[in-house]
C-alpha atoms as a PDB file:
ATOM      1  CA  MET A   1       0.588  -3.636  -6.993  1.00  0.00           C
ATOM      2  CA  GLU A   2       1.301  -7.123  -8.331  1.00  0.00           C
ATOM      3  CA  ASP A   3       4.740  -8.747  -8.057  1.00  0.00           C
ATOM      4  CA  GLN A   4       4.687  -9.180 -11.832  1.00  0.00           C
ATOM      5  CA  THR A   5       4.278  -5.410 -12.269  1.00  0.00           C
ATOM      6  CA  ILE A   6       7.196  -4.786  -9.898  1.00  0.00           C
ATOM      7  CA  GLU A   7       9.341  -7.173 -11.931  1.00  0.00           C
ATOM      8  CA  GLN A   8       8.425  -5.185 -15.071  1.00  0.00           C
ATOM      9  CA  PHE A   9       9.405  -1.940 -13.321  1.00  0.00           C
ATOM     10  CA  ILE A  10      12.727  -3.484 -12.287  1.00  0.00           C
ATOM     11  CA  VAL A  11      13.466  -4.472 -15.887  1.00  0.00           C
ATOM     12  CA  ARG A  12      12.766  -0.875 -16.969  1.00  0.00           C
ATOM     13  CA  VAL A  13      15.040   0.484 -14.240  1.00  0.00           C
ATOM     14  CA  GLN A  14      17.764  -1.942 -15.331  1.00  0.00           C
ATOM     15  CA  LYS A  15      17.365  -0.628 -18.880  1.00  0.00           C
ATOM     16  CA  GLY A  16      18.056   2.911 -17.660  1.00  0.00           C
ATOM     17  CA  ASP A  17      14.630   4.379 -16.880  1.00  0.00           C
ATOM     18  CA  SER A  18      15.157   5.150 -13.188  1.00  0.00           C
ATOM     19  CA  SER A  19      11.785   6.923 -12.891  1.00  0.00           C
ATOM     20  CA  TYR A  20      10.166   3.500 -12.305  1.00  0.00           C
ATOM     21  CA  TYR A  21      12.236   3.045  -9.148  1.00  0.00           C
ATOM     22  CA  VAL A  22       9.909   5.507  -7.387  1.00  0.00           C
ATOM     23  CA  GLU A  23       7.087   2.972  -7.791  1.00  0.00           C
ATOM     24  CA  VAL A  24       9.279   0.227  -6.363  1.00  0.00           C
ATOM     25  CA  VAL A  25      10.179   2.349  -3.322  1.00  0.00           C
ATOM     26  CA  GLN A  26       6.533   3.252  -2.727  1.00  0.00           C
ATOM     27  CA  LYS A  27       5.557  -0.416  -2.827  1.00  0.00           C
ATOM     28  CA  TYR A  28       8.120  -1.565  -0.248  1.00  0.00           C
ATOM     29  CA  GLN A  29       9.060   1.453   1.884  1.00  0.00           C
ATOM     30  CA  GLN A  30       6.571   0.820   4.717  1.00  0.00           C
ATOM     31  CA  ALA A  31       7.428  -2.884   4.961  1.00  0.00           C
ATOM     32  CA  ILE A  32      11.186  -2.241   4.948  1.00  0.00           C
ATOM     33  CA  TYR A  33      10.798   0.556   7.497  1.00  0.00           C
ATOM     34  CA  ARG A  34       8.760  -1.708   9.817  1.00  0.00           C
ATOM     35  CA  TYR A  35      11.330  -4.480   9.468  1.00  0.00           C
ATOM     36  CA  CYS A  36      14.147  -2.066  10.336  1.00  0.00           C
ATOM     37  CA  LEU A  37      12.185  -0.610  13.255  1.00  0.00           C
ATOM     38  CA  ARG A  38      11.512  -4.037  14.715  1.00  0.00           C
ATOM     39  CA  LEU A  39      15.118  -5.090  14.326  1.00  0.00           C
ATOM     40  CA  LEU A  40      16.787  -1.833  15.374  1.00  0.00           C
ATOM     41  CA  GLY A  41      14.209  -0.648  17.896  1.00  0.00           C
ATOM     42  CA  ASN A  42      14.582   3.065  17.153  1.00  0.00           C
ATOM     43  CA  GLN A  43      12.480   5.166  14.798  1.00  0.00           C
ATOM     44  CA  GLN A  44      15.274   7.454  13.565  1.00  0.00           C
ATOM     45  CA  ASP A  45      17.688   4.562  12.993  1.00  0.00           C
ATOM     46  CA  ALA A  46      14.959   2.661  11.133  1.00  0.00           C
ATOM     47  CA  GLU A  47      14.189   5.633   8.876  1.00  0.00           C
ATOM     48  CA  ASP A  48      17.886   6.116   8.098  1.00  0.00           C
ATOM     49  CA  ALA A  49      18.391   2.401   7.503  1.00  0.00           C
ATOM     50  CA  ALA A  50      15.388   2.148   5.170  1.00  0.00           C
ATOM     51  CA  GLN A  51      16.682   5.056   3.117  1.00  0.00           C
ATOM     52  CA  ASP A  52      20.163   3.498   2.935  1.00  0.00           C
ATOM     53  CA  ILE A  53      18.677   0.145   1.914  1.00  0.00           C
ATOM     54  CA  PHE A  54      16.782   1.637  -1.022  1.00  0.00           C
ATOM     55  CA  ILE A  55      19.903   3.490  -2.139  1.00  0.00           C
ATOM     56  CA  LYS A  56      21.949   0.274  -1.940  1.00  0.00           C
ATOM     57  CA  ALA A  57      19.247  -1.618  -3.840  1.00  0.00           C
ATOM     58  CA  PHE A  58      19.206   1.040  -6.563  1.00  0.00           C
ATOM     59  CA  GLU A  59      22.993   1.003  -6.834  1.00  0.00           C
ATOM     60  CA  SER A  60      22.942  -2.817  -7.099  1.00  0.00           C
ATOM     61  CA  ILE A  61      19.849  -3.138  -9.298  1.00  0.00           C
ATOM     62  CA  MET A  62      21.877  -4.494 -12.220  1.00  0.00           C
ATOM     63  CA  GLN A  63      22.886  -7.483 -10.048  1.00  0.00           C
ATOM     64  CA  TYR A  64      19.260  -8.474  -9.424  1.00  0.00           C
ATOM     65  CA  LYS A  65      18.201 -11.565 -11.332  1.00  0.00           C
ATOM     66  CA  ASN A  66      14.609 -12.768 -11.522  1.00  0.00           C
ATOM     67  CA  THR A  67      15.571 -16.148  -9.984  1.00  0.00           C
ATOM     68  CA  VAL A  68      14.187 -15.002  -6.591  1.00  0.00           C
ATOM     69  CA  SER A  69      11.427 -12.508  -5.900  1.00  0.00           C
ATOM     70  CA  PHE A  70      12.452  -8.878  -5.776  1.00  0.00           C
ATOM     71  CA  SER A  71      11.074  -8.584  -2.230  1.00  0.00           C
ATOM     72  CA  SER A  72      13.341 -11.440  -1.064  1.00  0.00           C
ATOM     73  CA  TRP A  73      16.312  -9.760  -2.736  1.00  0.00           C
ATOM     74  CA  LEU A  74      15.416  -6.444  -1.083  1.00  0.00           C
ATOM     75  CA  TYR A  75      14.950  -8.035   2.352  1.00  0.00           C
ATOM     76  CA  LYS A  76      18.344  -9.696   1.986  1.00  0.00           C
ATOM     77  CA  ILE A  77      19.899  -6.255   1.523  1.00  0.00           C
ATOM     78  CA  ALA A  78      17.896  -4.982   4.514  1.00  0.00           C
ATOM     79  CA  TYR A  79      18.953  -7.953   6.622  1.00  0.00           C
ATOM     80  CA  ARG A  80      22.652  -7.444   5.920  1.00  0.00           C
ATOM     81  CA  HIS A  81      22.451  -3.687   6.394  1.00  0.00           C
ATOM     82  CA  CYS A  82      20.678  -3.942   9.754  1.00  0.00           C
ATOM     83  CA  LEU A  83      23.034  -6.644  11.009  1.00  0.00           C
ATOM     84  CA  ASN A  84      25.981  -4.421  10.170  1.00  0.00           C
ATOM     85  CA  LEU A  85      24.372  -1.596  12.142  1.00  0.00           C
ATOM     86  CA  LEU A  86      23.734  -3.878  15.094  1.00  0.00           C
ATOM     87  CA  ARG A  87      27.294  -5.127  15.093  1.00  0.00           C
ATOM     88  CA  LYS A  88      28.873  -1.706  14.723  1.00  0.00           C
ATOM     89  CA  ARG A  89      26.841  -0.077  17.464  1.00  0.00           C
ATOM     90  CA  LYS A  90      26.569  -3.003  19.858  1.00  0.00           C
ATOM     91  CA  TYR A  91      22.900  -2.336  19.652  1.00  0.00           C
ATOM     92  CA  GLN A  92      21.746  -5.208  21.820  1.00  0.00           C
ATOM     93  CA  LEU A  93      22.981  -3.459  24.948  1.00  0.00           C
ATOM     94  CA  ARG A  94      21.242  -0.252  23.937  1.00  0.00           C
ATOM     95  CA  LEU A  95      17.987  -2.154  23.383  1.00  0.00           C
ATOM     96  CA  LEU A  96      18.141  -3.552  26.907  1.00  0.00           C
ATOM     97  CA  LEU A  97      18.757  -0.098  28.324  1.00  0.00           C
ATOM     98  CA  ARG A  98      15.884   1.310  26.314  1.00  0.00           C
ATOM     99  CA  LEU A  99      13.533  -1.154  28.014  1.00  0.00           C
ATOM    100  CA  PHE A 100      13.992   0.726  31.256  1.00  0.00           C
ATOM    101  CA  THR A 101      14.191   4.261  29.831  1.00  0.00           C
ATOM    102  CA  PRO A 102      11.552   4.490  27.075  1.00  0.00           C
ATOM    103  CA  GLU A 103      11.331   7.589  24.917  1.00  0.00           C
ATOM    104  CA  VAL A 104       8.236   9.692  25.596  1.00  0.00           C
ATOM    105  CA  LYS A 105       6.613  10.904  22.374  1.00  0.00           C
ATOM    106  CA  ALA A 106       3.144  11.219  20.928  1.00  0.00           C
ATOM    107  CA  GLU A 107       2.457   7.925  19.209  1.00  0.00           C
ATOM    108  CA  SER A 108       0.977   7.279  15.809  1.00  0.00           C
ATOM    109  CA  PRO A 109      -1.497   4.384  15.466  1.00  0.00           C
ATOM    110  CA  GLU A 110       1.296   2.290  13.905  1.00  0.00           C
ATOM    111  CA  GLN A 111       3.617   3.022  16.843  1.00  0.00           C
ATOM    112  CA  THR A 112       0.872   2.096  19.299  1.00  0.00           C
ATOM    113  CA  LEU A 113       0.465  -1.258  17.544  1.00  0.00           C
ATOM    114  CA  ASP A 114       4.233  -1.793  17.517  1.00  0.00           C
ATOM    115  CA  ASN A 115       4.385  -1.024  21.246  1.00  0.00           C
ATOM    116  CA  ARG A 116       1.760  -3.680  21.886  1.00  0.00           C
ATOM    117  CA  LEU A 117       3.668  -6.162  19.757  1.00  0.00           C
ATOM    118  CA  PHE A 118       6.883  -5.237  21.535  1.00  0.00           C
ATOM    119  CA  SER A 119       5.967  -5.543  25.175  1.00  0.00           C
ATOM    120  CA  PRO A 120       8.896  -5.465  27.622  1.00  0.00           C
ATOM    121  CA  GLN A 121       8.592  -9.240  27.956  1.00  0.00           C
ATOM    122  CA  LEU A 122       8.874  -9.765  24.202  1.00  0.00           C
ATOM    123  CA  MET A 123      11.735  -7.280  23.895  1.00  0.00           C
ATOM    124  CA  TYR A 124      13.540  -9.063  26.737  1.00  0.00           C
ATOM    125  CA  ALA A 125      13.072 -12.375  24.961  1.00  0.00           C
ATOM    126  CA  LEU A 126      14.095 -11.052  21.532  1.00  0.00           C
ATOM    127  CA  THR A 127      17.300  -9.477  22.848  1.00  0.00           C
ATOM    128  CA  ALA A 128      18.344 -12.921  24.075  1.00  0.00           C
ATOM    129  CA  LEU A 129      18.502 -14.032  20.429  1.00  0.00           C
ATOM    130  CA  SER A 130      21.463 -13.366  18.171  1.00  0.00           C
ATOM    131  CA  PRO A 131      20.871 -10.572  15.623  1.00  0.00           C
ATOM    132  CA  GLU A 132      20.625 -13.194  12.856  1.00  0.00           C
ATOM    133  CA  ASP A 133      18.030 -15.251  14.746  1.00  0.00           C
ATOM    134  CA  ARG A 134      16.066 -12.146  15.751  1.00  0.00           C
ATOM    135  CA  SER A 135      16.016 -11.008  12.130  1.00  0.00           C
ATOM    136  CA  MET A 136      14.784 -14.387  10.910  1.00  0.00           C
ATOM    137  CA  LEU A 137      12.011 -14.473  13.513  1.00  0.00           C
ATOM    138  CA  ILE A 138      10.919 -10.916  12.677  1.00  0.00           C
ATOM    139  CA  LEU A 139      10.858 -11.728   8.964  1.00  0.00           C
ATOM    140  CA  ARG A 140       8.748 -14.843   9.565  1.00  0.00           C
ATOM    141  CA  ILE A 141       6.319 -13.547  12.204  1.00  0.00           C
ATOM    142  CA  PHE A 142       5.912  -9.838  11.546  1.00  0.00           C
ATOM    143  CA  GLU A 143       6.785  -9.604   7.856  1.00  0.00           C
ATOM    144  CA  GLU A 144       5.050 -12.916   7.052  1.00  0.00           C
ATOM    145  CA  ARG A 145       7.822 -14.197   4.793  1.00  0.00           C
ATOM    146  CA  THR A 146       7.567 -17.823   3.633  1.00  0.00           C
ATOM    147  CA  PHE A 147      10.218 -20.369   4.554  1.00  0.00           C
ATOM    148  CA  GLU A 148      11.341 -20.332   0.912  1.00  0.00           C
ATOM    149  CA  GLU A 149      11.843 -16.562   1.119  1.00  0.00           C
ATOM    150  CA  LEU A 150      13.651 -16.934   4.444  1.00  0.00           C
ATOM    151  CA  GLY A 151      15.942 -19.452   2.799  1.00  0.00           C
ATOM    152  CA  ASP A 152      16.696 -16.991  -0.009  1.00  0.00           C
ATOM    153  CA  ILE A 153      17.284 -14.103   2.401  1.00  0.00           C
ATOM    154  CA  MET A 154      19.332 -16.023   4.978  1.00  0.00           C
ATOM    155  CA  GLY A 155      21.185 -18.280   2.557  1.00  0.00           C
ATOM    156  CA  CYS A 156      19.853 -21.630   3.804  1.00  0.00           C
ATOM    157  CA  LYS A 157      17.373 -24.290   2.748  1.00  0.00           C
ATOM    158  CA  PRO A 158      13.667 -23.721   3.540  1.00  0.00           C
ATOM    159  CA  GLU A 159      13.616 -26.807   5.810  1.00  0.00           C
ATOM    160  CA  ALA A 160      16.557 -25.447   7.811  1.00  0.00           C
ATOM    161  CA  ALA A 161      14.808 -22.076   8.124  1.00  0.00           C
ATOM    162  CA  LYS A 162      11.662 -23.798   9.377  1.00  0.00           C
ATOM    163  CA  LYS A 163      13.558 -25.737  12.049  1.00  0.00           C
ATOM    164  CA  ARG A 164      15.498 -22.652  13.103  1.00  0.00           C
ATOM    165  CA  VAL A 165      12.317 -20.556  13.449  1.00  0.00           C
ATOM    166  CA  SER A 166      10.708 -23.319  15.513  1.00  0.00           C
ATOM    167  CA  ARG A 167      13.707 -23.406  17.879  1.00  0.00           C
ATOM    168  CA  MET A 168      13.693 -19.609  18.166  1.00  0.00           C
ATOM    169  CA  LYS A 169       9.974 -19.499  18.989  1.00  0.00           C
ATOM    170  CA  GLU A 170      10.557 -21.969  21.809  1.00  0.00           C
ATOM    171  CA  LYS A 171      13.512 -19.944  23.079  1.00  0.00           C
ATOM    172  CA  VAL A 172      11.392 -16.763  23.056  1.00  0.00           C
ATOM    173  CA  ARG A 173       8.566 -18.544  24.920  1.00  0.00           C
ATOM    174  CA  LYS A 174      11.015 -19.711  27.607  1.00  0.00           C
ATOM    175  CA  LYS A 175      12.549 -16.250  27.972  1.00  0.00           C
ATOM    176  CA  MET A 176       9.113 -14.638  28.292  1.00  0.00           C
ATOM    177  CA  ALA A 177       8.210 -17.178  30.973  1.00  0.00           C
ATOM    178  CA  GLU A 178      11.516 -16.387  32.717  1.00  0.00           C
ATOM    179  CA  TRP A 179      10.592 -12.706  32.678  1.00  0.00           C
ATOM    180  CA  GLN A 180       7.313 -13.472  34.423  1.00  0.00           C
ATOM    181  CA  GLU A 181       9.100 -15.563  37.048  1.00  0.00           C
ATOM    182  CA  GLU A 182      11.738 -12.892  37.672  1.00  0.00           C
ATOM    183  CA  LEU A 183       9.269 -10.078  38.323  1.00  0.00           C
ATOM    184  CA  LYS A 184       8.257  -9.805  41.925  1.00  0.00           C
ATOM    185  CA  TRP A 185       5.905  -7.286  43.429  1.00  0.00           C
ATOM    186  CA  ASP A 186       7.213  -5.842  46.669  1.00  0.00           C
ATOM    187  CA  GLU A 187       4.037  -4.673  48.408  1.00  0.00           C
ATOM    188  CA  ASN A 188       5.947  -2.873  51.182  1.00  0.00           C
ATOM    189  CA  ASN A 189       7.881  -0.663  48.756  1.00  0.00           C
ATOM    190  CA  GLN A 190       5.309  -0.899  45.940  1.00  0.00           C
ATOM    191  CA  THR A 191       8.026  -1.482  43.380  1.00  0.00           C
ATOM    192  CA  ILE A 192       8.945  -4.184  40.927  1.00  0.00           C
ATOM    193  CA  HIS A 193      12.240  -5.987  41.423  1.00  0.00           C
ATOM    194  CA  ILE A 194      13.922  -7.847  38.627  1.00  0.00           C
ATOM    195  CA  LYS A 195      16.344 -10.620  39.519  1.00  0.00           C
ATOM    196  CA  THR A 196      19.682 -10.311  37.757  1.00  0.00           C
END
């Protein structure tokens, strides 16, 4: 579905025909869910967050102006919502704990791909970032948002977003290298030790 068609649906929703909002949700629900899952790290929390985000967007639809793309506006709502969840629940600590006690469930193909993208090394590196930086990196890398869109979502200039993403990538690379250095194979005990 074209962005222009979505904008037409939004105008109709703003004029009172809420039936078009179903089309909007269908267009973005998978992308918003994936964003939430990558940021929150838990399937149930991501599903709940995505639902809350679409409700918030619907309740605020009259505030949307066509000066930025609807997807950028929607991701801005998702960004703020997820950050609030992370702050309220002190989620970073729970993400670190989850690294060492993974949930055992049958995986869908999408979950298998996400697990590959979120190796323990990458999760370790991402948790070292602030929630804001982690969100920006996820939006750029996994959601393939442009620097202009990042600027709209994060409230900064595109050039600043580009520099920030570059710094974050370097920080993640260093943390992943640290992870490799900290793992040591103890052949006598056949266990992995992690320096703390």
